[in-house]
């Protein structure tokens, strides 16, 4: 009996020992498992941190294979669409500042290079910098022989969350709501300031129309650049017909490739041709425009006058551009070209007048040439450094000096509609002498 009990007690004790051993073993495996996970998470954090904070290669000069490999690394991490980009592993966040630091530290980046038909070459750059606690980005077309001069400059949309996706610079989109060059904005606003364009234009109330239809307002832009001004024109809350004339096919290709210029859009026509030829053909066919924006520049960074291009100021062309009066011998010129005809009675011509500072004396000569061919012209300072915008029309005496208050009222309406602040800025730079 005792032997039986002893054996039973032994069995119970053995069972108890086995249970304890199994529990201890289970706890050991759990501890090891947690340790393995912790080590793996730590390694993942270190790998991602050093990959971003101190990249072992130049991200700008990656090959296609290297870009694909980098993309696969980041794709293996799940990026949250919430406030910050983060890895799903606990307590391991992909730091957005590391990405921003990487972009700004190596700026600027060269995206491409192209040359025009005359042999002048350009570099497409992308630049990043931090301002007011945020990241800012711009894309530019720079003269290759003069890195201080830009043909085009466009602000880019800054994403709310910076991720590895944005390390590929071509993925940044152009922001059409901001014009980096102030003169571009002033040239567009000049059409409204001098009443060639209107936010409330006449409507077609013919009986054939079920409802009144807003008439198309016509704008001619000579000189495309990157197409940023065109993007802003498309945002105007009016019905526009837009003709764009660009001499260089390479510039048009660059606008489409790097500056989000559309291949096709309603009421927008791109003409790859000489602007002088286009003006002549437009005048001969009786076309008129409410606003003509002349921003055709010399592609040579050493030119004495960068803008407007000298071809628009040649004596024979300027003579032909003038509006012939009654009995004028120039009426007999068969090939006459006329800005005045293209503008019509109420159209507005805006000319970007720009040249190196050492050639500033030529600015007044350029202005006088245009003043000699139009009934009214005003040369307005648009930058503190002296750069000017020339606005002309066929209206007698319709100048800034004579109608400053009226023009400022028109400009204030533009400011209100387009959320700009041009009126006080222009007023301050161009006081009228009493």
Foldseek 3Di string as FASTA:
>chain_A
DVVVVVVVVVVVVVVVVVVVVVVVVVVVVVVVVVVVLVVVLVVLLVVLVCCQQPNPDQLLPDDPVRVVVVVVSQVVADFDPPQAGQGPRPPRGNDQVSNLCSQQVPPKHWDDKDAWPVGFIWTWIKHWDDDPNHIWIKIFIAGPVDRVDTLAIFTWDDDSYDDPVPSPPLPTATDLLDGPDQVLVVQVLVLLLLVLDDLDADWDPDPVDPDTHADAAEEEEEAQQLNSSVSNVVVRNGHYQYEYEAQTPVRVVNSVRRHVDDPDDPNYHYHHHDPLVVQLVCLVVQAAHSEYEQFPADSDLPDQWGWPHCVCLPPQLLVLQADDDPPRPCVPVPSRGHPQSRHDQRHKYKTWTDGPPVSVVCSVVVQVSVPVREQDKEWFQQDPSRGTMIMGHNDHPSYCLVCVVSSLVSSVVVCVSSVHDVSVRRCVRDPHDD
